[in-house]
N, C-alpha and C. Protein backbone atom coordinates (compact mmCIF):
# COMPACT_ATOMS: atom_id res chain seq x y z
N MET A 1 60.05 -66.94 -188.09
CA MET A 1 59.80 -66.64 -189.57
C MET A 1 60.11 -65.27 -189.91
N ILE A 2 60.73 -65.13 -191.13
CA ILE A 2 61.20 -63.76 -191.65
C ILE A 2 60.12 -63.29 -192.33
N LYS A 3 59.81 -61.94 -192.17
CA LYS A 3 58.81 -61.29 -192.95
C LYS A 3 59.43 -61.04 -194.29
N PRO A 4 58.44 -60.99 -195.31
CA PRO A 4 59.01 -60.61 -196.70
C PRO A 4 59.42 -59.19 -196.80
N LEU A 5 60.39 -59.00 -197.59
CA LEU A 5 60.86 -57.70 -197.97
C LEU A 5 59.95 -56.92 -198.72
N LEU A 6 59.60 -55.64 -198.35
CA LEU A 6 58.68 -54.83 -199.07
C LEU A 6 59.37 -53.62 -199.81
N TYR A 7 59.03 -53.33 -200.86
CA TYR A 7 59.70 -52.25 -201.76
C TYR A 7 59.67 -50.98 -200.95
N THR A 8 58.53 -50.77 -200.31
CA THR A 8 58.37 -49.51 -199.57
C THR A 8 59.20 -49.37 -198.29
N ASP A 9 59.40 -50.51 -197.65
CA ASP A 9 60.32 -50.51 -196.48
C ASP A 9 61.73 -50.22 -196.99
N LEU A 10 62.30 -50.76 -198.00
CA LEU A 10 63.63 -50.49 -198.48
C LEU A 10 63.73 -48.94 -199.07
N LEU A 11 62.62 -48.46 -199.75
CA LEU A 11 62.55 -47.16 -200.10
C LEU A 11 62.75 -46.19 -198.95
N SER A 12 62.08 -46.47 -197.94
CA SER A 12 62.10 -45.66 -196.68
C SER A 12 63.53 -45.64 -196.06
N THR A 13 64.15 -46.91 -195.96
CA THR A 13 65.53 -46.96 -195.41
C THR A 13 66.51 -46.19 -196.31
N LEU A 14 66.39 -46.33 -197.55
CA LEU A 14 67.33 -45.68 -198.54
C LEU A 14 67.21 -44.19 -198.41
N ALA A 15 65.87 -43.69 -198.23
CA ALA A 15 65.65 -42.29 -198.09
C ALA A 15 66.24 -41.74 -196.77
N ALA A 16 66.04 -42.57 -195.75
CA ALA A 16 66.58 -42.15 -194.44
C ALA A 16 68.06 -41.97 -194.48
N ILE A 17 68.78 -42.71 -195.19
CA ILE A 17 70.20 -42.61 -195.37
C ILE A 17 70.54 -41.45 -196.21
N GLY A 18 69.70 -41.10 -197.09
CA GLY A 18 70.03 -39.97 -197.99
C GLY A 18 70.42 -40.47 -199.38
N SER A 19 70.18 -41.67 -199.58
CA SER A 19 70.57 -42.30 -200.85
C SER A 19 69.53 -42.22 -201.93
N ALA A 20 69.90 -41.83 -203.11
CA ALA A 20 69.14 -41.63 -204.28
C ALA A 20 69.07 -42.94 -205.01
N GLN A 21 69.75 -43.95 -204.57
CA GLN A 21 69.70 -45.20 -205.36
C GLN A 21 68.52 -45.76 -205.58
N GLU A 22 68.20 -46.29 -206.71
CA GLU A 22 66.90 -46.94 -206.97
C GLU A 22 66.68 -48.17 -206.11
N VAL A 23 65.58 -48.40 -205.67
CA VAL A 23 65.36 -49.54 -204.76
C VAL A 23 65.68 -50.96 -205.36
N SER A 24 65.19 -51.06 -206.66
CA SER A 24 65.44 -52.31 -207.41
C SER A 24 66.95 -52.50 -207.62
N ALA A 25 67.70 -51.48 -207.97
CA ALA A 25 69.12 -51.54 -208.15
C ALA A 25 69.91 -52.07 -206.88
N PHE A 26 69.40 -51.42 -205.85
CA PHE A 26 70.06 -51.87 -204.54
C PHE A 26 69.73 -53.30 -204.22
N HIS A 27 68.46 -53.75 -204.33
CA HIS A 27 68.19 -55.02 -204.06
C HIS A 27 68.81 -56.06 -205.03
N GLY A 28 68.93 -55.68 -206.20
CA GLY A 28 69.69 -56.54 -207.26
C GLY A 28 71.19 -56.67 -206.87
N ALA A 29 71.77 -55.54 -206.42
CA ALA A 29 73.14 -55.62 -206.00
C ALA A 29 73.31 -56.42 -204.79
N LEU A 30 72.47 -56.36 -203.88
CA LEU A 30 72.46 -57.17 -202.57
C LEU A 30 72.32 -58.69 -202.99
N CYS A 31 71.38 -59.03 -203.87
CA CYS A 31 71.14 -60.45 -204.37
C CYS A 31 72.35 -60.97 -204.99
N GLY A 32 72.93 -60.07 -205.95
CA GLY A 32 74.13 -60.59 -206.63
C GLY A 32 75.34 -60.81 -205.77
N ALA A 33 75.53 -59.84 -204.75
CA ALA A 33 76.61 -60.06 -203.69
C ALA A 33 76.42 -61.34 -202.83
N LEU A 34 75.17 -61.50 -202.54
CA LEU A 34 74.93 -62.85 -201.75
C LEU A 34 75.10 -64.04 -202.54
N CYS A 35 75.05 -64.02 -203.76
CA CYS A 35 75.49 -65.21 -204.67
C CYS A 35 77.00 -65.49 -204.57
N ARG A 36 77.80 -64.44 -204.17
CA ARG A 36 79.18 -64.57 -204.16
C ARG A 36 79.73 -64.71 -202.73
N GLU A 37 79.14 -64.17 -201.85
CA GLU A 37 79.63 -63.99 -200.41
C GLU A 37 78.78 -64.67 -199.39
N THR A 38 79.39 -65.01 -198.38
CA THR A 38 78.53 -65.42 -197.21
C THR A 38 77.91 -64.28 -196.54
N PRO A 39 76.70 -64.33 -196.08
CA PRO A 39 76.05 -63.09 -195.49
C PRO A 39 76.82 -62.56 -194.39
N ALA A 40 77.48 -63.31 -193.56
CA ALA A 40 78.13 -62.79 -192.49
C ALA A 40 79.32 -61.84 -192.84
N LYS A 41 79.98 -62.07 -194.06
CA LYS A 41 81.09 -61.28 -194.58
C LYS A 41 80.52 -59.95 -195.34
N LEU A 42 79.24 -59.96 -195.61
CA LEU A 42 78.73 -58.91 -196.53
C LEU A 42 78.19 -57.63 -195.64
N ASP A 43 78.69 -56.55 -195.94
CA ASP A 43 78.13 -55.34 -195.24
C ASP A 43 77.21 -54.72 -196.35
N PRO A 44 75.85 -54.65 -196.05
CA PRO A 44 75.00 -54.31 -197.20
C PRO A 44 75.20 -52.78 -197.48
N ALA A 45 75.71 -51.97 -196.59
CA ALA A 45 75.89 -50.62 -196.76
C ALA A 45 77.08 -50.42 -197.80
N SER A 46 77.92 -51.25 -198.05
CA SER A 46 78.93 -51.19 -198.89
C SER A 46 78.41 -51.24 -200.43
N LEU A 47 77.16 -51.55 -200.65
CA LEU A 47 76.49 -51.67 -201.90
C LEU A 47 75.76 -50.36 -202.31
N LEU A 48 75.72 -49.37 -201.46
CA LEU A 48 75.24 -48.14 -201.75
C LEU A 48 76.03 -47.45 -202.78
N GLU A 49 75.43 -46.77 -203.72
CA GLU A 49 76.11 -46.10 -204.80
C GLU A 49 77.10 -44.99 -204.40
N ASP A 50 76.64 -44.29 -203.37
CA ASP A 50 77.37 -43.15 -202.87
C ASP A 50 78.12 -43.51 -201.59
N ASP A 51 79.45 -43.66 -201.83
CA ASP A 51 80.33 -44.00 -200.63
C ASP A 51 80.36 -43.00 -199.58
N ALA A 52 80.04 -41.65 -199.86
CA ALA A 52 80.00 -40.74 -198.87
C ALA A 52 78.88 -40.69 -197.93
N LEU A 53 77.85 -41.54 -198.19
CA LEU A 53 76.79 -41.51 -197.22
C LEU A 53 77.17 -42.14 -195.89
N THR A 54 76.49 -41.49 -194.84
CA THR A 54 76.75 -42.01 -193.46
C THR A 54 75.53 -42.83 -193.16
N VAL A 55 75.76 -44.09 -192.71
CA VAL A 55 74.68 -45.06 -192.42
C VAL A 55 74.60 -45.09 -190.77
N ASP A 56 73.46 -44.51 -190.29
CA ASP A 56 73.30 -44.61 -188.81
C ASP A 56 73.11 -45.99 -188.34
N GLU A 57 73.13 -46.25 -187.07
CA GLU A 57 73.00 -47.59 -186.42
C GLU A 57 71.49 -48.18 -186.90
N THR A 58 70.49 -47.47 -186.86
CA THR A 58 69.25 -47.85 -187.18
C THR A 58 69.10 -48.30 -188.62
N SER A 59 69.68 -47.51 -189.40
CA SER A 59 69.59 -47.86 -190.92
C SER A 59 70.54 -49.05 -191.21
N ALA A 60 71.68 -49.15 -190.49
CA ALA A 60 72.53 -50.28 -190.66
C ALA A 60 71.85 -51.56 -190.30
N VAL A 61 71.07 -51.50 -189.22
CA VAL A 61 70.31 -52.77 -188.74
C VAL A 61 69.29 -53.10 -189.80
N GLN A 62 68.61 -52.09 -190.28
CA GLN A 62 67.61 -52.25 -191.33
C GLN A 62 68.21 -52.92 -192.58
N LEU A 63 69.35 -52.46 -193.01
CA LEU A 63 70.06 -53.03 -194.13
C LEU A 63 70.43 -54.52 -194.00
N ARG A 64 70.84 -54.82 -192.66
CA ARG A 64 71.30 -56.12 -192.38
C ARG A 64 70.00 -57.02 -192.35
N GLU A 65 68.88 -56.53 -191.86
CA GLU A 65 67.55 -57.34 -191.94
C GLU A 65 67.13 -57.48 -193.40
N PHE A 66 67.47 -56.62 -194.24
CA PHE A 66 67.14 -56.82 -195.60
C PHE A 66 67.88 -58.01 -196.14
N CYS A 67 69.12 -57.97 -195.80
CA CYS A 67 70.17 -58.95 -196.22
C CYS A 67 69.70 -60.36 -195.75
N GLU A 68 69.20 -60.40 -194.47
CA GLU A 68 68.68 -61.67 -193.90
C GLU A 68 67.54 -62.15 -194.67
N GLN A 69 66.58 -61.09 -195.05
CA GLN A 69 65.32 -61.56 -195.82
C GLN A 69 65.74 -62.07 -197.07
N ALA A 70 66.72 -61.53 -197.72
CA ALA A 70 67.12 -62.02 -199.12
C ALA A 70 67.74 -63.37 -198.91
N VAL A 71 68.55 -63.56 -198.04
CA VAL A 71 69.13 -64.93 -197.90
C VAL A 71 68.08 -65.98 -197.62
N ALA A 72 67.16 -65.64 -196.72
CA ALA A 72 66.01 -66.54 -196.43
C ALA A 72 65.26 -66.83 -197.65
N ALA A 73 65.04 -65.79 -198.52
CA ALA A 73 64.18 -66.07 -199.76
C ALA A 73 64.92 -66.89 -200.71
N PHE A 74 66.25 -66.81 -200.84
CA PHE A 74 67.07 -67.64 -201.69
C PHE A 74 66.93 -69.06 -201.06
N GLY A 75 67.01 -69.29 -199.86
CA GLY A 75 66.97 -70.58 -199.26
C GLY A 75 65.56 -71.26 -199.06
N ASP A 76 64.60 -70.59 -199.52
CA ASP A 76 63.12 -70.93 -199.39
C ASP A 76 62.93 -72.12 -200.33
N ALA A 77 62.56 -73.27 -199.79
CA ALA A 77 62.28 -74.36 -200.66
C ALA A 77 61.08 -74.18 -201.49
N GLU A 78 60.15 -73.32 -201.06
CA GLU A 78 58.96 -73.06 -201.87
C GLU A 78 59.12 -71.94 -202.93
N LEU A 79 60.37 -71.79 -203.17
CA LEU A 79 60.64 -70.62 -204.23
C LEU A 79 60.19 -69.26 -203.77
N GLY A 80 60.47 -68.84 -202.56
CA GLY A 80 59.94 -67.59 -202.11
C GLY A 80 60.86 -66.30 -202.58
N PHE A 81 61.87 -66.62 -203.39
CA PHE A 81 62.59 -65.41 -203.78
C PHE A 81 61.93 -64.76 -204.92
N HIS A 82 61.85 -63.30 -204.86
CA HIS A 82 61.38 -62.47 -205.76
C HIS A 82 62.20 -61.24 -205.99
N PRO A 83 62.61 -60.82 -207.19
CA PRO A 83 63.28 -59.48 -207.32
C PRO A 83 62.40 -58.46 -206.88
N LEU A 84 62.99 -57.45 -206.10
CA LEU A 84 62.07 -56.33 -205.59
C LEU A 84 61.89 -55.26 -206.62
N LEU A 85 60.71 -55.22 -207.08
CA LEU A 85 60.35 -54.26 -208.10
C LEU A 85 59.06 -53.51 -207.75
N PRO A 86 58.81 -52.44 -208.39
CA PRO A 86 57.62 -51.59 -208.01
C PRO A 86 56.43 -52.57 -208.32
N ASP A 87 55.20 -52.29 -207.72
CA ASP A 87 54.03 -53.04 -207.91
C ASP A 87 53.35 -52.56 -209.18
N ASP A 88 52.23 -53.31 -209.50
CA ASP A 88 51.56 -53.08 -210.87
C ASP A 88 50.77 -51.76 -210.94
N ALA A 89 50.76 -50.98 -209.81
CA ALA A 89 50.07 -49.75 -209.90
C ALA A 89 51.01 -48.68 -210.70
N VAL A 90 52.38 -49.00 -210.70
CA VAL A 90 53.34 -48.15 -211.26
C VAL A 90 53.25 -48.41 -212.78
N PRO A 91 53.37 -47.31 -213.68
CA PRO A 91 53.32 -47.39 -215.18
C PRO A 91 54.35 -48.49 -215.47
N LEU A 92 54.01 -49.14 -216.53
CA LEU A 92 54.73 -50.20 -217.10
C LEU A 92 56.09 -49.86 -217.54
N ASN A 93 56.32 -48.67 -218.07
CA ASN A 93 57.61 -48.27 -218.48
C ASN A 93 58.61 -48.12 -217.28
N ASP A 94 57.99 -47.55 -216.20
CA ASP A 94 58.72 -47.38 -214.97
C ASP A 94 59.21 -48.72 -214.36
N ARG A 95 58.26 -49.73 -214.33
CA ARG A 95 58.56 -51.03 -213.86
C ARG A 95 59.61 -51.73 -214.76
N ALA A 96 59.58 -51.49 -216.14
CA ALA A 96 60.59 -51.99 -217.01
C ALA A 96 61.94 -51.49 -216.64
N GLN A 97 61.97 -50.10 -216.41
CA GLN A 97 63.27 -49.55 -216.07
C GLN A 97 63.77 -50.11 -214.85
N ALA A 98 62.87 -50.22 -213.83
CA ALA A 98 63.33 -50.87 -212.48
C ALA A 98 63.79 -52.24 -212.62
N LEU A 99 63.18 -52.99 -213.65
CA LEU A 99 63.70 -54.36 -213.84
C LEU A 99 65.06 -54.32 -214.46
N GLY A 100 65.31 -53.46 -215.32
CA GLY A 100 66.65 -53.22 -215.87
C GLY A 100 67.62 -52.84 -214.84
N ALA A 101 67.23 -51.94 -213.94
CA ALA A 101 68.06 -51.53 -212.78
C ALA A 101 68.49 -52.73 -211.89
N TRP A 102 67.37 -53.59 -211.61
CA TRP A 102 67.62 -54.65 -210.82
C TRP A 102 68.69 -55.60 -211.41
N CYS A 103 68.56 -55.86 -212.61
CA CYS A 103 69.54 -56.71 -213.40
C CYS A 103 70.91 -56.16 -213.35
N GLU A 104 71.06 -54.77 -213.54
CA GLU A 104 72.35 -54.14 -213.47
C GLU A 104 72.86 -54.14 -212.13
N GLY A 105 72.13 -53.99 -211.09
CA GLY A 105 72.52 -54.21 -209.74
C GLY A 105 72.99 -55.65 -209.46
N PHE A 106 72.22 -56.55 -209.89
CA PHE A 106 72.58 -57.91 -209.68
C PHE A 106 73.96 -58.28 -210.23
N LEU A 107 74.15 -57.83 -211.49
CA LEU A 107 75.46 -58.11 -212.18
C LEU A 107 76.58 -57.37 -211.42
N PHE A 108 76.35 -56.15 -210.92
CA PHE A 108 77.35 -55.38 -210.13
C PHE A 108 77.70 -56.28 -208.95
N GLY A 109 76.71 -56.55 -208.06
CA GLY A 109 76.89 -57.36 -206.90
C GLY A 109 77.56 -58.65 -207.16
N LEU A 110 77.25 -59.40 -208.16
CA LEU A 110 77.75 -60.55 -208.48
C LEU A 110 79.28 -60.50 -208.89
N SER A 111 79.69 -59.39 -209.47
CA SER A 111 81.04 -59.38 -210.07
C SER A 111 82.06 -58.40 -209.35
N ALA A 112 81.49 -57.56 -208.49
CA ALA A 112 82.31 -56.48 -208.02
C ALA A 112 83.09 -56.75 -206.73
N ARG A 113 82.66 -57.66 -205.99
CA ARG A 113 83.18 -57.98 -204.67
C ARG A 113 84.37 -59.10 -204.61
N VAL A 114 84.09 -60.20 -205.24
CA VAL A 114 84.97 -61.24 -205.06
C VAL A 114 85.26 -61.75 -206.48
N LYS A 115 86.52 -62.14 -206.80
CA LYS A 115 86.91 -62.45 -208.08
C LYS A 115 85.81 -63.52 -208.67
N PHE A 116 85.33 -63.23 -209.86
CA PHE A 116 84.31 -63.91 -210.43
C PHE A 116 84.70 -64.23 -211.84
N ASP A 117 84.71 -65.51 -212.28
CA ASP A 117 85.05 -65.87 -213.55
C ASP A 117 84.00 -66.76 -214.21
N LEU A 118 83.19 -66.27 -215.11
CA LEU A 118 82.18 -67.04 -215.88
C LEU A 118 82.62 -68.41 -216.33
N LYS A 119 83.80 -68.48 -216.73
CA LYS A 119 84.38 -69.73 -217.19
C LYS A 119 84.18 -70.97 -216.23
N ASP A 120 84.22 -70.58 -214.95
CA ASP A 120 84.01 -71.53 -213.84
C ASP A 120 82.62 -71.90 -213.62
N CYS A 121 81.70 -71.25 -214.31
CA CYS A 121 80.33 -71.59 -214.10
C CYS A 121 79.64 -72.34 -215.12
N SER A 122 78.46 -73.06 -214.85
CA SER A 122 77.77 -73.81 -215.83
C SER A 122 77.23 -73.00 -216.88
N GLU A 123 77.00 -73.68 -218.15
CA GLU A 123 76.42 -73.03 -219.26
C GLU A 123 75.19 -72.20 -218.93
N GLU A 124 74.35 -72.77 -218.01
CA GLU A 124 73.07 -72.16 -217.57
C GLU A 124 73.25 -70.77 -216.85
N VAL A 125 74.30 -70.78 -216.02
CA VAL A 125 74.64 -69.45 -215.28
C VAL A 125 75.16 -68.59 -216.30
N ARG A 126 75.99 -68.96 -217.17
CA ARG A 126 76.55 -68.00 -218.18
C ARG A 126 75.42 -67.43 -219.07
N GLU A 127 74.41 -68.23 -219.31
CA GLU A 127 73.25 -67.74 -220.07
C GLU A 127 72.46 -66.64 -219.35
N VAL A 128 72.23 -67.06 -217.95
CA VAL A 128 71.44 -66.08 -217.18
C VAL A 128 72.17 -64.74 -217.10
N VAL A 129 73.63 -64.81 -216.95
CA VAL A 129 74.29 -63.58 -216.78
C VAL A 129 74.23 -62.82 -218.18
N ALA A 130 74.33 -63.52 -219.23
CA ALA A 130 74.21 -62.98 -220.58
C ALA A 130 72.75 -62.22 -220.75
N ASP A 131 71.80 -62.94 -220.46
CA ASP A 131 70.42 -62.47 -220.48
C ASP A 131 70.22 -61.28 -219.62
N PHE A 132 70.67 -61.36 -218.34
CA PHE A 132 70.49 -60.12 -217.41
C PHE A 132 71.32 -58.97 -217.99
N THR A 133 72.33 -59.14 -218.61
CA THR A 133 73.06 -58.05 -219.33
C THR A 133 72.14 -57.41 -220.36
N GLN A 134 71.46 -58.19 -221.03
CA GLN A 134 70.58 -57.69 -222.16
C GLN A 134 69.34 -57.01 -221.40
N PHE A 135 68.81 -57.45 -220.30
CA PHE A 135 67.63 -56.85 -219.65
C PHE A 135 68.05 -55.41 -219.01
N THR A 136 69.31 -55.20 -218.80
CA THR A 136 69.60 -53.91 -218.31
C THR A 136 69.16 -52.72 -219.14
N ARG A 137 68.87 -53.12 -220.46
CA ARG A 137 68.33 -52.08 -221.32
C ARG A 137 66.77 -52.07 -221.54
N ALA A 138 66.11 -52.82 -220.60
CA ALA A 138 64.55 -53.00 -220.76
C ALA A 138 63.96 -51.51 -220.73
N ALA A 139 63.02 -51.42 -221.78
CA ALA A 139 62.18 -50.27 -221.87
C ALA A 139 60.99 -50.63 -222.74
N ILE A 140 59.99 -49.91 -222.74
CA ILE A 140 58.78 -50.10 -223.42
C ILE A 140 58.70 -48.87 -224.51
N GLY A 141 58.62 -49.30 -225.74
CA GLY A 141 58.45 -48.35 -226.84
C GLY A 141 57.06 -47.60 -226.99
N ALA A 142 57.10 -46.41 -227.52
CA ALA A 142 55.92 -45.67 -227.56
C ALA A 142 54.68 -46.26 -228.15
N GLY A 143 54.98 -47.01 -229.28
CA GLY A 143 53.97 -47.63 -229.95
C GLY A 143 53.56 -49.09 -229.67
N ASP A 144 54.30 -49.53 -228.59
CA ASP A 144 54.02 -50.88 -228.22
C ASP A 144 52.63 -51.23 -227.51
N ASP A 145 52.12 -52.36 -227.84
CA ASP A 145 50.80 -52.85 -227.32
C ASP A 145 51.09 -53.04 -225.84
N LEU A 146 50.46 -52.39 -224.91
CA LEU A 146 50.62 -52.37 -223.54
C LEU A 146 50.21 -53.79 -222.94
N GLU A 147 49.14 -54.29 -223.48
CA GLU A 147 48.69 -55.64 -223.06
C GLU A 147 49.75 -56.68 -223.38
N VAL A 148 50.24 -56.63 -224.47
CA VAL A 148 51.27 -57.59 -224.90
C VAL A 148 52.48 -57.41 -224.06
N GLU A 149 52.92 -56.10 -223.81
CA GLU A 149 54.04 -55.87 -222.96
C GLU A 149 53.97 -56.19 -221.59
N GLU A 150 52.78 -56.10 -221.02
CA GLU A 150 52.51 -56.51 -219.70
C GLU A 150 52.81 -57.97 -219.50
N GLY A 151 52.37 -58.76 -220.42
CA GLY A 151 52.60 -60.29 -220.49
C GLY A 151 54.10 -60.50 -220.63
N ALA A 152 54.59 -59.77 -221.47
CA ALA A 152 56.21 -59.93 -221.62
C ALA A 152 56.93 -59.60 -220.44
N TYR A 153 56.50 -58.50 -219.79
CA TYR A 153 57.12 -58.06 -218.58
C TYR A 153 56.96 -59.12 -217.40
N ALA A 154 55.76 -59.72 -217.31
CA ALA A 154 55.57 -60.73 -216.30
C ALA A 154 56.52 -62.08 -216.52
N GLU A 155 56.65 -62.37 -217.77
CA GLU A 155 57.66 -63.45 -218.20
C GLU A 155 59.03 -63.15 -217.78
N LEU A 156 59.42 -61.86 -218.01
CA LEU A 156 60.80 -61.44 -217.60
C LEU A 156 60.97 -61.45 -216.14
N VAL A 157 59.99 -61.03 -215.47
CA VAL A 157 60.22 -61.07 -213.99
C VAL A 157 60.26 -62.48 -213.50
N GLU A 158 59.52 -63.42 -213.99
CA GLU A 158 59.63 -64.87 -213.62
C GLU A 158 61.02 -65.43 -214.10
N TYR A 159 61.50 -65.10 -215.29
CA TYR A 159 62.79 -65.55 -215.65
C TYR A 159 63.89 -65.04 -214.70
N ILE A 160 63.73 -63.72 -214.33
CA ILE A 160 64.76 -63.12 -213.35
C ILE A 160 64.63 -63.86 -212.13
N ARG A 161 63.51 -64.12 -211.59
CA ARG A 161 63.42 -64.88 -210.30
C ARG A 161 63.99 -66.20 -210.44
N VAL A 162 63.75 -66.90 -211.27
CA VAL A 162 64.24 -68.32 -211.45
C VAL A 162 65.86 -68.32 -211.78
N GLY A 163 66.26 -67.30 -212.61
CA GLY A 163 67.65 -67.20 -212.93
C GLY A 163 68.40 -66.82 -211.90
N ALA A 164 67.99 -65.82 -211.08
CA ALA A 164 68.82 -65.44 -209.79
C ALA A 164 68.95 -66.65 -208.95
N GLN A 165 67.88 -67.36 -208.66
CA GLN A 165 67.92 -68.60 -207.77
C GLN A 165 68.78 -69.49 -208.35
N LEU A 166 68.87 -69.71 -209.66
CA LEU A 166 69.76 -70.76 -210.21
C LEU A 166 71.30 -70.35 -210.02
N VAL A 167 71.63 -69.17 -210.18
CA VAL A 167 72.87 -68.63 -209.82
C VAL A 167 73.22 -68.74 -208.37
N TYR A 168 72.32 -68.37 -207.53
CA TYR A 168 72.57 -68.57 -206.03
C TYR A 168 72.83 -70.00 -205.80
N MET A 169 71.98 -70.97 -206.31
CA MET A 169 72.08 -72.36 -205.89
C MET A 169 73.33 -73.06 -206.52
N GLU A 170 73.87 -72.54 -207.62
CA GLU A 170 75.07 -72.96 -208.18
C GLU A 170 76.25 -72.65 -207.32
N LEU A 171 76.10 -71.31 -206.94
CA LEU A 171 77.40 -70.81 -206.21
C LEU A 171 77.29 -71.08 -204.67
N HIS A 172 76.10 -71.52 -204.25
CA HIS A 172 75.91 -71.89 -202.81
C HIS A 172 75.14 -73.27 -202.91
N PRO A 173 75.83 -74.36 -202.97
CA PRO A 173 75.17 -75.64 -202.89
C PRO A 173 74.26 -75.71 -201.62
N ARG A 174 73.09 -76.39 -201.73
CA ARG A 174 72.04 -76.38 -200.82
C ARG A 174 72.38 -76.52 -199.41
N PRO A 175 73.22 -77.43 -198.90
CA PRO A 175 73.65 -77.34 -197.59
C PRO A 175 74.38 -76.13 -197.10
N ALA A 176 75.18 -75.56 -197.87
CA ALA A 176 75.78 -74.31 -197.63
C ALA A 176 74.83 -73.18 -197.51
N ALA A 177 73.78 -73.14 -198.35
CA ALA A 177 72.83 -72.04 -198.29
C ALA A 177 72.08 -72.14 -196.92
N ALA A 178 71.70 -73.17 -196.59
CA ALA A 178 71.01 -73.44 -195.24
C ALA A 178 71.89 -73.01 -194.09
N ALA A 179 73.16 -73.39 -194.27
CA ALA A 179 74.10 -72.94 -193.13
C ALA A 179 74.32 -71.43 -193.05
N ASP A 180 74.39 -70.85 -194.39
CA ASP A 180 74.45 -69.44 -194.45
C ASP A 180 73.37 -68.63 -193.78
N VAL A 181 72.17 -69.01 -193.99
CA VAL A 181 71.03 -68.48 -193.20
C VAL A 181 71.24 -68.54 -191.68
N GLU A 182 71.59 -69.87 -191.18
CA GLU A 182 71.65 -69.93 -189.76
C GLU A 182 72.82 -69.25 -189.34
N SER A 183 73.91 -69.21 -189.93
CA SER A 183 75.10 -68.47 -189.56
C SER A 183 74.82 -66.98 -189.55
N TYR A 184 74.20 -66.40 -190.53
CA TYR A 184 73.74 -65.06 -190.62
C TYR A 184 72.78 -64.69 -189.44
N ASN A 185 71.82 -65.54 -189.10
CA ASN A 185 70.92 -65.27 -187.99
C ASN A 185 71.68 -65.17 -186.77
N LYS A 186 72.66 -65.98 -186.59
CA LYS A 186 73.46 -65.96 -185.38
C LYS A 186 74.29 -64.61 -185.21
N THR A 187 74.70 -64.15 -186.24
CA THR A 187 75.51 -62.87 -186.27
C THR A 187 74.68 -61.69 -186.02
N LEU A 188 73.36 -61.78 -186.49
CA LEU A 188 72.40 -60.69 -186.18
C LEU A 188 72.07 -60.52 -184.69
N HIS A 189 71.83 -61.64 -184.18
CA HIS A 189 71.17 -61.74 -182.74
C HIS A 189 72.16 -61.94 -181.71
């Protein structure tokens, strides 16, 4: 069984590498890239914003484990996938900015690695991509009712969770997704 990915674990790994990249942005990029590539072909370190960073072997192993955890979450029949965002103890505006960064990372990962044409996708995937593009500008206004905004934030997180899974499932039909996890596990061990 694969343990769930924790925000603090990825934060520690990125800090050890010397990366200032936002955790949610990196996780979004990883998830977007996994929608397009098989895990065995993906080097998670290639998603770091700073190409000049040196990734030691320990950090490289940890990044591959995060990749494995993301693949397993996408393949979880119990809908185990969740975007990696700060917990509720973090101020709402910071969580909203992290949500926007996750969406931006996802779009980068989805489009930057392999030729991607939205015309080849279903209407639902095109809508998710358009919505994620809008969500990159997520923020809370100074006069907004925080209780109402908390509810809206929770709805956006759920939409992103389901939307990312929809994109993954369309680009990785179910049998292939299960094979991806198995194939990735074999390359790791």
